């Protein structure tokens, strides 16, 4: 802690493990089971408690709360659960990240994510890498968000759902079903088409983009039900990204995937 900059009003437990060149701002509280990696900045009025591991190069904004007990009526305070946060994340003002609820479980956030002000990450969520979660998004327990997804401001996500890679979610939307990778999703449990711009920016080849579109049309626009579409897909020569889309659909949870917006096939360009 000698090389770190800790404000005199901050309360940092002597048992906490603080890396080199860490900054901890005024009135922040860091508990005894907390580990903070080098060059991480913790701004003012932040509370980090419970078993929390934070990697290097992160920014934790004013008033953020990390590692507090989950909002689960069955939770017992004596359970050993934790939060694990990777490297180079930006976690802005007043974000809340709760620790896991089941014994020895964790809430996990990867690397290079951007959580904007007021985002809530419920217990046992798993956030991949390069994910953007805009202001006031609410993620219930056990939500999984894959790499490169963008969740628009004010959107809500039911517990246990899975949000695929490079999904683009419109703000003020709500979801209780899984959202397949590479799509644009909006409103209430609705898919509108393929996230073509996101695929281009992510470096997907024209061939891969076209095959993802073909897989999307097979699932959503062919007139086949999900089982029929997946069976037909086994006879087709799809590339790995298109197979990723199809595998996601095949492995969707009990509530299934978000349907396409009725009548949207005449309006969208995929």
C-alpha atoms as a PDB file:
ATOM      1  CA  UNK A   1       0.000   0.000   0.000  1.00  0.00           C
ATOM      2  CA  UNK A   2       3.005   2.314   0.304  1.00  0.00           C
ATOM      3  CA  UNK A   3       2.990   3.223  -3.384  1.00  0.00           C
ATOM      4  CA  UNK A   4      -0.784   3.729  -3.421  1.00  0.00           C
ATOM      5  CA  UNK A   5      -2.620   7.005  -2.901  1.00  0.00           C
ATOM      6  CA  UNK A   6      -5.304   6.588  -0.251  1.00  0.00           C
ATOM      7  CA  UNK A   7      -7.296   9.607   0.910  1.00  0.00           C
ATOM      8  CA  UNK A   8      -7.141  10.110   4.683  1.00  0.00           C
ATOM      9  CA  UNK A   9     -10.940   9.878   4.982  1.00  0.00           C
ATOM     10  CA  UNK A  10     -11.087   6.486   3.218  1.00  0.00           C
ATOM     11  CA  UNK A  11     -11.578   3.413   5.427  1.00  0.00           C
ATOM     12  CA  UNK A  12      -9.362   0.628   4.089  1.00  0.00           C
ATOM     13  CA  UNK A  13      -9.142  -2.488   6.226  1.00  0.00           C
ATOM     14  CA  UNK A  14      -5.505  -3.425   6.974  1.00  0.00           C
ATOM     15  CA  UNK A  15      -6.208  -6.948   5.719  1.00  0.00           C
ATOM     16  CA  UNK A  16      -7.239  -5.737   2.253  1.00  0.00           C
ATOM     17  CA  UNK A  17      -4.708  -6.422  -0.504  1.00  0.00           C
ATOM     18  CA  UNK A  18      -3.994  -3.223  -2.390  1.00  0.00           C
ATOM     19  CA  UNK A  19      -1.730  -3.280  -5.446  1.00  0.00           C
ATOM     20  CA  UNK A  20       0.846  -0.761  -6.549  1.00  0.00           C
ATOM     21  CA  UNK A  21      -0.243   2.691  -7.714  1.00  0.00           C
ATOM     22  CA  UNK A  22      -3.864   2.223  -6.639  1.00  0.00           C
ATOM     23  CA  UNK A  23      -5.865   5.365  -5.829  1.00  0.00           C
ATOM     24  CA  UNK A  24      -8.701   5.302  -3.292  1.00  0.00           C
ATOM     25  CA  UNK A  25     -10.766   8.459  -2.948  1.00  0.00           C
ATOM     26  CA  UNK A  26     -12.471  10.274  -0.092  1.00  0.00           C
ATOM     27  CA  UNK A  27     -14.945   8.414   2.148  1.00  0.00           C
ATOM     28  CA  UNK A  28     -14.597   5.116   0.296  1.00  0.00           C
ATOM     29  CA  UNK A  29     -14.794   1.860   2.262  1.00  0.00           C
ATOM     30  CA  UNK A  30     -12.725  -1.227   1.395  1.00  0.00           C
ATOM     31  CA  UNK A  31     -13.328  -4.389   3.411  1.00  0.00           C
ATOM     32  CA  UNK A  32     -10.854  -6.998   4.673  1.00  0.00           C
ATOM     33  CA  UNK A  33     -11.526  -9.622   1.954  1.00  0.00           C
ATOM     34  CA  UNK A  34     -10.964  -7.236  -0.943  1.00  0.00           C
ATOM     35  CA  UNK A  35      -8.104  -7.459  -3.438  1.00  0.00           C
ATOM     36  CA  UNK A  36      -7.481  -4.515  -5.784  1.00  0.00           C
ATOM     37  CA  UNK A  37      -4.937  -4.815  -8.591  1.00  0.00           C
ATOM     38  CA  UNK A  38      -2.358  -2.233  -9.584  1.00  0.00           C
ATOM     39  CA  UNK A  39      -3.256   1.101 -11.185  1.00  0.00           C
ATOM     40  CA  UNK A  40      -6.941   0.774 -10.347  1.00  0.00           C
ATOM     41  CA  UNK A  41      -8.667   4.020  -9.373  1.00  0.00           C
ATOM     42  CA  UNK A  42     -11.442   3.955  -6.780  1.00  0.00           C
ATOM     43  CA  UNK A  43     -13.151   7.336  -6.636  1.00  0.00           C
ATOM     44  CA  UNK A  44     -15.065   8.834  -3.705  1.00  0.00           C
ATOM     45  CA  UNK A  45     -17.856   7.247  -1.623  1.00  0.00           C
ATOM     46  CA  UNK A  46     -17.311   3.773  -3.107  1.00  0.00           C
ATOM     47  CA  UNK A  47     -18.161   0.720  -0.966  1.00  0.00           C
ATOM     48  CA  UNK A  48     -16.351  -2.561  -1.706  1.00  0.00           C
ATOM     49  CA  UNK A  49     -17.134  -5.305   0.773  1.00  0.00           C
ATOM     50  CA  UNK A  50     -17.282  -9.073   1.002  1.00  0.00           C
ATOM     51  CA  UNK A  51     -14.920 -11.281  -0.969  1.00  0.00           C
ATOM     52  CA  UNK A  52     -14.108  -9.154  -4.025  1.00  0.00           C
ATOM     53  CA  UNK A  53     -11.213  -9.423  -6.455  1.00  0.00           C
ATOM     54  CA  UNK A  54     -10.627  -6.491  -8.801  1.00  0.00           C
ATOM     55  CA  UNK A  55      -7.880  -6.649 -11.430  1.00  0.00           C
ATOM     56  CA  UNK A  56      -5.569  -3.923 -12.727  1.00  0.00           C
ATOM     57  CA  UNK A  57      -6.266  -0.696 -14.552  1.00  0.00           C
ATOM     58  CA  UNK A  58      -9.925  -0.374 -13.583  1.00  0.00           C
ATOM     59  CA  UNK A  59     -11.844   2.834 -12.867  1.00  0.00           C
ATOM     60  CA  UNK A  60     -14.508   2.557 -10.162  1.00  0.00           C
ATOM     61  CA  UNK A  61     -16.727   5.651 -10.210  1.00  0.00           C
ATOM     62  CA  UNK A  62     -18.115   7.745  -7.381  1.00  0.00           C
ATOM     63  CA  UNK A  63     -20.670   5.992  -5.207  1.00  0.00           C
ATOM     64  CA  UNK A  64     -20.356   2.538  -6.769  1.00  0.00           C
ATOM     65  CA  UNK A  65     -21.287  -0.400  -4.535  1.00  0.00           C
ATOM     66  CA  UNK A  66     -19.489  -3.719  -5.154  1.00  0.00           C
ATOM     67  CA  UNK A  67     -19.735  -7.018  -3.304  1.00  0.00           C
ATOM     68  CA  UNK A  68     -22.765  -6.367  -1.119  1.00  0.00           C
ATOM     69  CA  UNK A  69     -25.154  -9.270  -0.415  1.00  0.00           C
ATOM     70  CA  UNK A  70     -27.485 -10.362  -3.220  1.00  0.00           C
ATOM     71  CA  UNK A  71     -31.124  -9.321  -3.306  1.00  0.00           C
ATOM     72  CA  UNK A  72     -32.283 -12.870  -2.666  1.00  0.00           C
ATOM     73  CA  UNK A  73     -34.605 -13.607   0.272  1.00  0.00           C
ATOM     74  CA  UNK A  74     -33.066 -17.083   0.610  1.00  0.00           C
ATOM     75  CA  UNK A  75     -29.533 -15.730   1.011  1.00  0.00           C
ATOM     76  CA  UNK A  76     -27.723 -16.488   4.240  1.00  0.00           C
ATOM     77  CA  UNK A  77     -25.077 -13.957   5.340  1.00  0.00           C
ATOM     78  CA  UNK A  78     -22.685 -16.723   6.341  1.00  0.00           C
ATOM     79  CA  UNK A  79     -22.383 -18.052   2.784  1.00  0.00           C
ATOM     80  CA  UNK A  80     -19.005 -17.644   1.121  1.00  0.00           C
ATOM     81  CA  UNK A  81     -19.709 -15.955  -2.208  1.00  0.00           C
ATOM     82  CA  UNK A  82     -17.764 -13.414  -4.203  1.00  0.00           C
ATOM     83  CA  UNK A  83     -17.329 -10.937  -7.038  1.00  0.00           C
ATOM     84  CA  UNK A  84     -14.519 -11.293  -9.605  1.00  0.00           C
ATOM     85  CA  UNK A  85     -13.733  -8.318 -11.858  1.00  0.00           C
ATOM     86  CA  UNK A  86     -11.025  -8.413 -14.533  1.00  0.00           C
ATOM     87  CA  UNK A  87      -8.821  -5.698 -15.985  1.00  0.00           C
ATOM     88  CA  UNK A  88      -9.293  -2.299 -17.637  1.00  0.00           C
ATOM     89  CA  UNK A  89     -12.999  -1.963 -16.897  1.00  0.00           C
ATOM     90  CA  UNK A  90     -14.808   1.344 -16.491  1.00  0.00           C
ATOM     91  CA  UNK A  91     -17.514   1.162 -13.822  1.00  0.00           C
ATOM     92  CA  UNK A  92     -19.147   4.554 -13.560  1.00  0.00           C
ATOM     93  CA  UNK A  93     -21.054   6.362 -10.837  1.00  0.00           C
ATOM     94  CA  UNK A  94     -23.528   4.503  -8.605  1.00  0.00           C
ATOM     95  CA  UNK A  95     -23.261   1.113 -10.299  1.00  0.00           C
ATOM     96  CA  UNK A  96     -24.222  -1.804  -8.053  1.00  0.00           C
ATOM     97  CA  UNK A  97     -22.607  -5.236  -8.398  1.00  0.00           C
ATOM     98  CA  UNK A  98     -23.851  -7.897  -5.986  1.00  0.00           C
ATOM     99  CA  UNK A  99     -21.956 -11.011  -5.023  1.00  0.00           C
ATOM    100  CA  UNK A 100     -23.144 -14.561  -5.742  1.00  0.00           C
ATOM    101  CA  UNK A 101     -25.960 -16.166  -3.799  1.00  0.00           C
ATOM    102  CA  UNK A 102     -25.216 -19.927  -3.768  1.00  0.00           C
ATOM    103  CA  UNK A 103     -22.311 -21.171  -1.654  1.00  0.00           C
ATOM    104  CA  UNK A 104     -18.928 -20.577  -3.364  1.00  0.00           C
ATOM    105  CA  UNK A 105     -20.581 -18.913  -6.377  1.00  0.00           C
ATOM    106  CA  UNK A 106     -19.523 -15.653  -7.997  1.00  0.00           C
ATOM    107  CA  UNK A 107     -20.639 -12.675  -9.997  1.00  0.00           C
ATOM    108  CA  UNK A 108     -18.094 -12.302 -12.808  1.00  0.00           C
ATOM    109  CA  UNK A 109     -17.081  -9.364 -14.997  1.00  0.00           C
ATOM    110  CA  UNK A 110     -14.363  -9.827 -17.611  1.00  0.00           C
ATOM    111  CA  UNK A 111     -12.058  -7.255 -19.216  1.00  0.00           C
ATOM    112  CA  UNK A 112     -12.493  -3.909 -20.999  1.00  0.00           C
ATOM    113  CA  UNK A 113     -16.166  -3.505 -20.195  1.00  0.00           C
ATOM    114  CA  UNK A 114     -17.947  -0.170 -19.792  1.00  0.00           C
ATOM    115  CA  UNK A 115     -20.723   0.000 -17.210  1.00  0.00           C
ATOM    116  CA  UNK A 116     -22.362   3.406 -17.373  1.00  0.00           C
ATOM    117  CA  UNK A 117     -23.902   5.255 -14.440  1.00  0.00           C
ATOM    118  CA  UNK A 118     -26.533   3.467 -12.401  1.00  0.00           C
ATOM    119  CA  UNK A 119     -26.206   0.019 -13.992  1.00  0.00           C
ATOM    120  CA  UNK A 120     -27.178  -2.890 -11.746  1.00  0.00           C
ATOM    121  CA  UNK A 121     -25.463  -6.277 -12.064  1.00  0.00           C
ATOM    122  CA  UNK A 122     -27.380  -8.845 -10.029  1.00  0.00           C
ATOM    123  CA  UNK A 123     -25.972 -11.874  -8.267  1.00  0.00           C
ATOM    124  CA  UNK A 124     -24.229 -14.545 -10.339  1.00  0.00           C
ATOM    125  CA  UNK A 125     -24.295 -12.543 -13.562  1.00  0.00           C
ATOM    126  CA  UNK A 126     -21.481 -13.267 -15.998  1.00  0.00           C
ATOM    127  CA  UNK A 127     -20.323 -10.386 -18.186  1.00  0.00           C
ATOM    128  CA  UNK A 128     -17.801 -11.200 -20.921  1.00  0.00           C
ATOM    129  CA  UNK A 129     -15.306  -8.779 -22.470  1.00  0.00           C
ATOM    130  CA  UNK A 130     -15.798  -5.495 -24.351  1.00  0.00           C
ATOM    131  CA  UNK A 131     -19.433  -5.259 -23.256  1.00  0.00           C
ATOM    132  CA  UNK A 132     -21.141  -1.864 -22.967  1.00  0.00           C
ATOM    133  CA  UNK A 133     -23.993  -1.592 -20.477  1.00  0.00           C
ATOM    134  CA  UNK A 134     -25.564   1.857 -20.695  1.00  0.00           C
ATOM    135  CA  UNK A 135     -27.093   3.983 -17.951  1.00  0.00           C
ATOM    136  CA  UNK A 136     -29.656   2.457 -15.611  1.00  0.00           C
ATOM    137  CA  UNK A 137     -29.724  -1.018 -17.156  1.00  0.00           C
ATOM    138  CA  UNK A 138     -31.003  -3.644 -14.725  1.00  0.00           C
ATOM    139  CA  UNK A 139     -29.677  -7.210 -14.889  1.00  0.00           C
ATOM    140  CA  UNK A 140     -31.396  -9.696 -12.595  1.00  0.00           C
ATOM    141  CA  UNK A 141     -29.610 -12.729 -11.173  1.00  0.00           C
ATOM    142  CA  UNK A 142     -27.753 -15.234 -13.350  1.00  0.00           C
ATOM    143  CA  UNK A 143     -27.884 -13.144 -16.542  1.00  0.00           C
ATOM    144  CA  UNK A 144     -25.072 -13.993 -18.959  1.00  0.00           C
ATOM    145  CA  UNK A 145     -23.829 -11.375 -21.437  1.00  0.00           C
ATOM    146  CA  UNK A 146     -21.362 -12.495 -24.112  1.00  0.00           C
ATOM    147  CA  UNK A 147     -18.478 -10.502 -25.615  1.00  0.00           C
ATOM    148  CA  UNK A 148     -19.107  -7.280 -27.471  1.00  0.00           C
ATOM    149  CA  UNK A 149     -22.788  -6.883 -26.610  1.00  0.00           C
ATOM    150  CA  UNK A 150     -24.292  -3.403 -26.252  1.00  0.00           C
ATOM    151  CA  UNK A 151     -27.226  -2.972 -23.850  1.00  0.00           C
ATOM    152  CA  UNK A 152     -29.070   0.309 -24.371  1.00  0.00           C
ATOM    153  CA  UNK A 153     -29.934   2.606 -21.489  1.00  0.00           C
ATOM    154  CA  UNK A 154     -32.823   1.790 -19.186  1.00  0.00           C
ATOM    155  CA  UNK A 155     -33.229  -1.773 -20.469  1.00  0.00           C
ATOM    156  CA  UNK A 156     -34.205  -4.635 -18.158  1.00  0.00           C
ATOM    157  CA  UNK A 157     -33.254  -8.312 -18.261  1.00  0.00           C
ATOM    158  CA  UNK A 158     -35.043 -11.173 -16.494  1.00  0.00           C
ATOM    159  CA  UNK A 159     -33.076 -13.633 -14.383  1.00  0.00           C
ATOM    160  CA  UNK A 160     -31.315 -16.559 -16.065  1.00  0.00           C
ATOM    161  CA  UNK A 161     -31.438 -15.186 -19.622  1.00  0.00           C
ATOM    162  CA  UNK A 162     -28.493 -15.354 -22.032  1.00  0.00           C
ATOM    163  CA  UNK A 163     -27.509 -12.442 -24.302  1.00  0.00           C
ATOM    164  CA  UNK A 164     -25.366 -13.526 -27.225  1.00  0.00           C
ATOM    165  CA  UNK A 165     -22.203 -12.073 -28.685  1.00  0.00           C
ATOM    166  CA  UNK A 166     -22.381  -8.687 -30.432  1.00  0.00           C
ATOM    167  CA  UNK A 167     -26.065  -8.242 -29.675  1.00  0.00           C
ATOM    168  CA  UNK A 168     -27.307  -4.668 -29.980  1.00  0.00           C
ATOM    169  CA  UNK A 169     -30.171  -3.835 -27.590  1.00  0.00           C
ATOM    170  CA  UNK A 170     -32.212  -0.675 -28.039  1.00  0.00           C
ATOM    171  CA  UNK A 171     -32.685   1.481 -24.960  1.00  0.00           C
ATOM    172  CA  UNK A 172     -35.791   1.208 -22.781  1.00  0.00           C
ATOM    173  CA  UNK A 173     -36.391  -2.410 -23.833  1.00  0.00           C
ATOM    174  CA  UNK A 174     -37.268  -5.420 -21.711  1.00  0.00           C
ATOM    175  CA  UNK A 175     -36.371  -9.096 -22.108  1.00  0.00           C
ATOM    176  CA  UNK A 176     -37.373 -12.375 -20.532  1.00  0.00           C
ATOM    177  CA  UNK A 177     -36.096 -14.650 -23.310  1.00  0.00           C
ATOM    178  CA  UNK A 178     -32.620 -15.433 -24.651  1.00  0.00           C
ATOM    179  CA  UNK A 179     -31.275 -13.098 -27.351  1.00  0.00           C
ATOM    180  CA  UNK A 180     -29.247 -14.909 -30.042  1.00  0.00           C
ATOM    181  CA  UNK A 181     -25.832 -13.538 -31.069  1.00  0.00           C
ATOM    182  CA  UNK A 182     -25.385 -10.953 -33.806  1.00  0.00           C
ATOM    183  CA  UNK A 183     -28.946  -9.558 -33.721  1.00  0.00           C
ATOM    184  CA  UNK A 184     -30.635  -6.232 -33.040  1.00  0.00           C
ATOM    185  CA  UNK A 185     -33.205  -6.545 -30.247  1.00  0.00           C
ATOM    186  CA  UNK A 186     -35.703  -4.004 -28.965  1.00  0.00           C
ATOM    187  CA  UNK A 187     -39.027  -3.272 -27.316  1.00  0.00           C
ATOM    188  CA  UNK A 188     -40.403  -6.319 -25.444  1.00  0.00           C
ATOM    189  CA  UNK A 189     -38.722  -9.639 -26.298  1.00  0.00           C
ATOM    190  CA  UNK A 190     -38.398  -8.701 -29.972  1.00  0.00           C
ATOM    191  CA  UNK A 191     -35.670  -9.243 -32.553  1.00  0.00           C
ATOM    192  CA  UNK A 192     -35.520  -6.912 -35.549  1.00  0.00           C
ATOM    193  CA  UNK A 193     -32.689  -8.219 -37.712  1.00  0.00           C
ATOM    194  CA  UNK A 194     -28.943  -8.807 -37.914  1.00  0.00           C
ATOM    195  CA  UNK A 195     -26.510  -6.317 -36.347  1.00  0.00           C
ATOM    196  CA  UNK A 196     -24.738  -5.760 -39.663  1.00  0.00           C
ATOM    197  CA  UNK A 197     -22.875  -2.625 -38.589  1.00  0.00           C
ATOM    198  CA  UNK A 198     -21.623  -4.341 -35.445  1.00  0.00           C
ATOM    199  CA  UNK A 199     -20.404  -7.314 -37.474  1.00  0.00           C
ATOM    200  CA  UNK A 200     -18.505  -5.041 -39.870  1.00  0.00           C
ATOM    201  CA  UNK A 201     -16.894  -3.144 -37.012  1.00  0.00           C
ATOM    202  CA  UNK A 202     -15.892  -6.432 -35.392  1.00  0.00           C
ATOM    203  CA  UNK A 203     -14.066  -7.471 -38.563  1.00  0.00           C
ATOM    204  CA  UNK A 204     -16.390 -10.217 -39.805  1.00  0.00           C
ATOM    205  CA  UNK A 205     -15.800 -11.025 -43.467  1.00  0.00           C
ATOM    206  CA  UNK A 206     -18.487 -10.456 -46.077  1.00  0.00           C
ATOM    207  CA  UNK A 207     -18.845 -14.239 -46.395  1.00  0.00           C
ATOM    208  CA  UNK A 208     -19.393 -14.704 -42.672  1.00  0.00           C
ATOM    209  CA  UNK A 209     -21.914 -11.847 -42.601  1.00  0.00           C
ATOM    210  CA  UNK A 210     -23.877 -13.381 -45.443  1.00  0.00           C
ATOM    211  CA  UNK A 211     -23.922 -16.785 -43.765  1.00  0.00           C
ATOM    212  CA  UNK A 212     -25.124 -15.268 -40.496  1.00  0.00           C
ATOM    213  CA  UNK A 213     -27.925 -13.589 -42.450  1.00  0.00           C
ATOM    214  CA  UNK A 214     -28.791 -16.920 -44.066  1.00  0.00           C
ATOM    215  CA  UNK A 215     -28.921 -18.641 -40.673  1.00  0.00           C
ATOM    216  CA  UNK A 216     -31.073 -15.818 -39.316  1.00  0.00           C
ATOM    217  CA  UNK A 217     -33.516 -16.148 -42.226  1.00  0.00           C
ATOM    218  CA  UNK A 218     -33.666 -19.908 -41.761  1.00  0.00           C
ATOM    219  CA  UNK A 219     -34.647 -19.563 -38.095  1.00  0.00           C
ATOM    220  CA  UNK A 220     -36.885 -16.503 -38.316  1.00  0.00           C
ATOM    221  CA  UNK A 221     -38.211 -16.113 -41.852  1.00  0.00           C
ATOM    222  CA  UNK A 222     -38.394 -19.560 -43.472  1.00  0.00           C
ATOM    223  CA  UNK A 223     -41.790 -20.498 -42.068  1.00  0.00           C
ATOM    224  CA  UNK A 224     -40.242 -23.493 -40.298  1.00  0.00           C
ATOM    225  CA  UNK A 225     -40.486 -23.973 -36.562  1.00  0.00           C
ATOM    226  CA  UNK A 226     -37.266 -23.964 -34.522  1.00  0.00           C
ATOM    227  CA  UNK A 227     -36.804 -27.749 -34.581  1.00  0.00           C
ATOM    228  CA  UNK A 228     -37.409 -27.923 -38.331  1.00  0.00           C
ATOM    229  CA  UNK A 229     -35.042 -25.019 -39.004  1.00  0.00           C
ATOM    230  CA  UNK A 230     -32.272 -26.583 -36.916  1.00  0.00           C
ATOM    231  CA  UNK A 231     -32.753 -29.920 -38.613  1.00  0.00           C
ATOM    232  CA  UNK A 232     -32.499 -28.297 -42.029  1.00  0.00           C
ATOM    233  CA  UNK A 233     -29.374 -26.426 -40.893  1.00  0.00           C
ATOM    234  CA  UNK A 234     -27.589 -29.753 -40.371  1.00  0.00           C
ATOM    235  CA  UNK A 235     -27.747 -30.314 -44.141  1.00  0.00           C
ATOM    236  CA  UNK A 236     -26.238 -26.891 -44.937  1.00  0.00           C
ATOM    237  CA  UNK A 237     -22.597 -25.846 -45.024  1.00  0.00           C
ATOM    238  CA  UNK A 238     -22.455 -22.917 -42.591  1.00  0.00           C
ATOM    239  CA  UNK A 239     -19.293 -21.175 -41.357  1.00  0.00           C
ATOM    240  CA  UNK A 240     -18.321 -21.036 -37.670  1.00  0.00           C
ATOM    241  CA  UNK A 241     -20.089 -17.704 -36.877  1.00  0.00           C
ATOM    242  CA  UNK A 242     -23.354 -18.894 -38.458  1.00  0.00           C
ATOM    243  CA  UNK A 243     -22.993 -22.155 -36.529  1.00  0.00           C
ATOM    244  CA  UNK A 244     -22.522 -20.096 -33.358  1.00  0.00           C
ATOM    245  CA  UNK A 245     -25.885 -18.466 -34.026  1.00  0.00           C
ATOM    246  CA  UNK A 246     -27.571 -21.819 -34.681  1.00  0.00           C
ATOM    247  CA  UNK A 247     -25.955 -23.512 -31.675  1.00  0.00           C
ATOM    248  CA  UNK A 248     -27.191 -20.694 -29.447  1.00  0.00           C
ATOM    249  CA  UNK A 249     -30.742 -21.208 -30.731  1.00  0.00           C
ATOM    250  CA  UNK A 250     -30.477 -24.968 -30.195  1.00  0.00           C
ATOM    251  CA  UNK A 251     -29.269 -24.500 -26.606  1.00  0.00           C
ATOM    252  CA  UNK A 252     -31.681 -21.738 -25.567  1.00  0.00           C
ATOM    253  CA  UNK A 253     -33.219 -22.078 -22.130  1.00  0.00           C
ATOM    254  CA  UNK A 254     -36.781 -23.131 -21.352  1.00  0.00           C
ATOM    255  CA  UNK A 255     -38.309 -19.742 -22.196  1.00  0.00           C
ATOM    256  CA  UNK A 256     -36.727 -19.897 -25.652  1.00  0.00           C
ATOM    257  CA  UNK A 257     -35.365 -17.137 -27.884  1.00  0.00           C
ATOM    258  CA  UNK A 258     -36.878 -13.754 -28.625  1.00  0.00           C
ATOM    259  CA  UNK A 259     -39.188 -13.915 -31.674  1.00  0.00           C
ATOM    260  CA  UNK A 260     -38.964 -11.572 -34.619  1.00  0.00           C
ATOM    261  CA  UNK A 261     -41.274  -8.568 -34.508  1.00  0.00           C
ATOM    262  CA  UNK A 262     -44.470  -9.465 -36.353  1.00  0.00           C
ATOM    263  CA  UNK A 263     -44.492  -7.945 -39.827  1.00  0.00           C
ATOM    264  CA  UNK A 264     -40.922  -6.726 -39.528  1.00  0.00           C
ATOM    265  CA  UNK A 265     -39.666  -8.995 -42.339  1.00  0.00           C
ATOM    266  CA  UNK A 266     -41.198  -6.610 -44.870  1.00  0.00           C
ATOM    267  CA  UNK A 267     -39.496  -3.597 -43.305  1.00  0.00           C
ATOM    268  CA  UNK A 268     -35.985  -4.636 -42.341  1.00  0.00           C
ATOM    269  CA  UNK A 269     -32.813  -4.897 -44.329  1.00  0.00           C
ATOM    270  CA  UNK A 270     -30.698  -7.795 -43.142  1.00  0.00           C
END
